[in-house]
């Protein structure tokens, strides 16, 4: 019987990461294409600026979070 919590091999983990990353990029490109068609050039420019600011704010908000767990160990 297989253990459902058995560790995954490095190759399999990388494969899953690559599939998930490709799906995320395809989704982002699809969303951008649809938004560009629906909003038109001027409004799409504002959309891109707002999206960029939100992504930068999210990344800045995460600074140091991954290290906070290391201090607890």
C-alpha atoms as a PDB file:
ATOM      1  CA  UNK A   1       0.000   0.000   0.000  1.00  0.00           C
ATOM      2  CA  UNK A   2       1.382   3.420  -0.955  1.00  0.00           C
ATOM      3  CA  UNK A   3       1.848   5.986   1.752  1.00  0.00           C
ATOM      4  CA  UNK A   4      -0.101   9.134   0.713  1.00  0.00           C
ATOM      5  CA  UNK A   5       2.423  11.275   2.568  1.00  0.00           C
ATOM      6  CA  UNK A   6       5.513   9.685   1.049  1.00  0.00           C
ATOM      7  CA  UNK A   7       8.058  12.285  -0.094  1.00  0.00           C
ATOM      8  CA  UNK A   8       8.030  13.187  -3.767  1.00  0.00           C
ATOM      9  CA  UNK A   9      11.143  12.807  -5.915  1.00  0.00           C
ATOM     10  CA  UNK A  10      12.936  15.971  -7.008  1.00  0.00           C
ATOM     11  CA  UNK A  11      12.184  15.327 -10.675  1.00  0.00           C
ATOM     12  CA  UNK A  12       8.475  14.888 -10.005  1.00  0.00           C
ATOM     13  CA  UNK A  13       8.364  18.024  -7.853  1.00  0.00           C
ATOM     14  CA  UNK A  14      10.080  20.036 -10.592  1.00  0.00           C
ATOM     15  CA  UNK A  15       7.608  18.654 -13.133  1.00  0.00           C
ATOM     16  CA  UNK A  16       4.637  19.738 -11.029  1.00  0.00           C
ATOM     17  CA  UNK A  17       6.208  23.159 -10.511  1.00  0.00           C
ATOM     18  CA  UNK A  18       6.751  23.582 -14.263  1.00  0.00           C
ATOM     19  CA  UNK A  19       3.145  22.615 -15.043  1.00  0.00           C
ATOM     20  CA  UNK A  20       1.764  24.980 -12.377  1.00  0.00           C
ATOM     21  CA  UNK A  21       4.021  27.832 -13.523  1.00  0.00           C
ATOM     22  CA  UNK A  22       3.042  27.346 -17.171  1.00  0.00           C
ATOM     23  CA  UNK A  23      -0.648  27.322 -16.214  1.00  0.00           C
ATOM     24  CA  UNK A  24      -0.213  30.542 -14.226  1.00  0.00           C
ATOM     25  CA  UNK A  25       1.496  32.288 -17.141  1.00  0.00           C
ATOM     26  CA  UNK A  26      -1.157  31.069 -19.601  1.00  0.00           C
ATOM     27  CA  UNK A  27      -3.891  32.324 -17.269  1.00  0.00           C
ATOM     28  CA  UNK A  28      -2.206  35.707 -16.875  1.00  0.00           C
ATOM     29  CA  UNK A  29      -1.782  36.088 -20.633  1.00  0.00           C
ATOM     30  CA  UNK A  30      -5.389  35.039 -21.231  1.00  0.00           C
ATOM     31  CA  UNK A  31      -6.678  37.509 -18.659  1.00  0.00           C
ATOM     32  CA  UNK A  32      -4.566  40.300 -20.130  1.00  0.00           C
ATOM     33  CA  UNK A  33      -5.760  39.542 -23.666  1.00  0.00           C
ATOM     34  CA  UNK A  34      -9.406  39.488 -22.596  1.00  0.00           C
ATOM     35  CA  UNK A  35      -9.024  42.685 -20.562  1.00  0.00           C
ATOM     36  CA  UNK A  36      -7.292  44.409 -23.464  1.00  0.00           C
ATOM     37  CA  UNK A  37     -10.154  43.502 -25.798  1.00  0.00           C
ATOM     38  CA  UNK A  38     -12.861  44.568 -23.354  1.00  0.00           C
ATOM     39  CA  UNK A  39     -11.304  47.762 -22.015  1.00  0.00           C
ATOM     40  CA  UNK A  40      -9.731  49.320 -25.095  1.00  0.00           C
ATOM     41  CA  UNK A  41      -6.260  50.891 -25.288  1.00  0.00           C
ATOM     42  CA  UNK A  42      -6.627  53.772 -22.834  1.00  0.00           C
ATOM     43  CA  UNK A  43      -8.493  51.897 -20.113  1.00  0.00           C
ATOM     44  CA  UNK A  44      -6.224  48.876 -20.519  1.00  0.00           C
ATOM     45  CA  UNK A  45      -3.242  51.126 -19.778  1.00  0.00           C
ATOM     46  CA  UNK A  46      -4.803  52.110 -16.465  1.00  0.00           C
ATOM     47  CA  UNK A  47      -5.571  48.443 -15.782  1.00  0.00           C
ATOM     48  CA  UNK A  48      -1.930  47.470 -16.351  1.00  0.00           C
ATOM     49  CA  UNK A  49      -0.664  50.239 -14.066  1.00  0.00           C
ATOM     50  CA  UNK A  50      -3.105  49.207 -11.309  1.00  0.00           C
ATOM     51  CA  UNK A  51      -2.207  45.529 -11.722  1.00  0.00           C
ATOM     52  CA  UNK A  52       1.508  46.307 -11.588  1.00  0.00           C
ATOM     53  CA  UNK A  53       1.137  48.419  -8.448  1.00  0.00           C
ATOM     54  CA  UNK A  54      -0.888  45.670  -6.770  1.00  0.00           C
ATOM     55  CA  UNK A  55       1.723  43.030  -7.631  1.00  0.00           C
ATOM     56  CA  UNK A  56       4.604  45.208  -6.398  1.00  0.00           C
ATOM     57  CA  UNK A  57       2.734  45.996  -3.166  1.00  0.00           C
ATOM     58  CA  UNK A  58       2.103  42.289  -2.638  1.00  0.00           C
ATOM     59  CA  UNK A  59       5.764  41.434  -3.126  1.00  0.00           C
ATOM     60  CA  UNK A  60       6.880  44.225  -0.807  1.00  0.00           C
ATOM     61  CA  UNK A  61       4.419  42.999   1.798  1.00  0.00           C
ATOM     62  CA  UNK A  62       6.055  39.576   1.757  1.00  0.00           C
ATOM     63  CA  UNK A  63       9.585  40.809   2.428  1.00  0.00           C
ATOM     64  CA  UNK A  64      11.016  38.750   5.249  1.00  0.00           C
ATOM     65  CA  UNK A  65       7.972  36.526   5.751  1.00  0.00           C
ATOM     66  CA  UNK A  66       9.778  33.398   4.551  1.00  0.00           C
ATOM     67  CA  UNK A  67      12.558  34.067   7.062  1.00  0.00           C
ATOM     68  CA  UNK A  68      10.215  34.574   9.995  1.00  0.00           C
ATOM     69  CA  UNK A  69       9.486  30.850  10.056  1.00  0.00           C
ATOM     70  CA  UNK A  70      13.204  30.077  10.217  1.00  0.00           C
ATOM     71  CA  UNK A  71      13.622  32.064  13.422  1.00  0.00           C
ATOM     72  CA  UNK A  72      10.985  29.940  15.137  1.00  0.00           C
ATOM     73  CA  UNK A  73      12.769  26.659  14.377  1.00  0.00           C
END
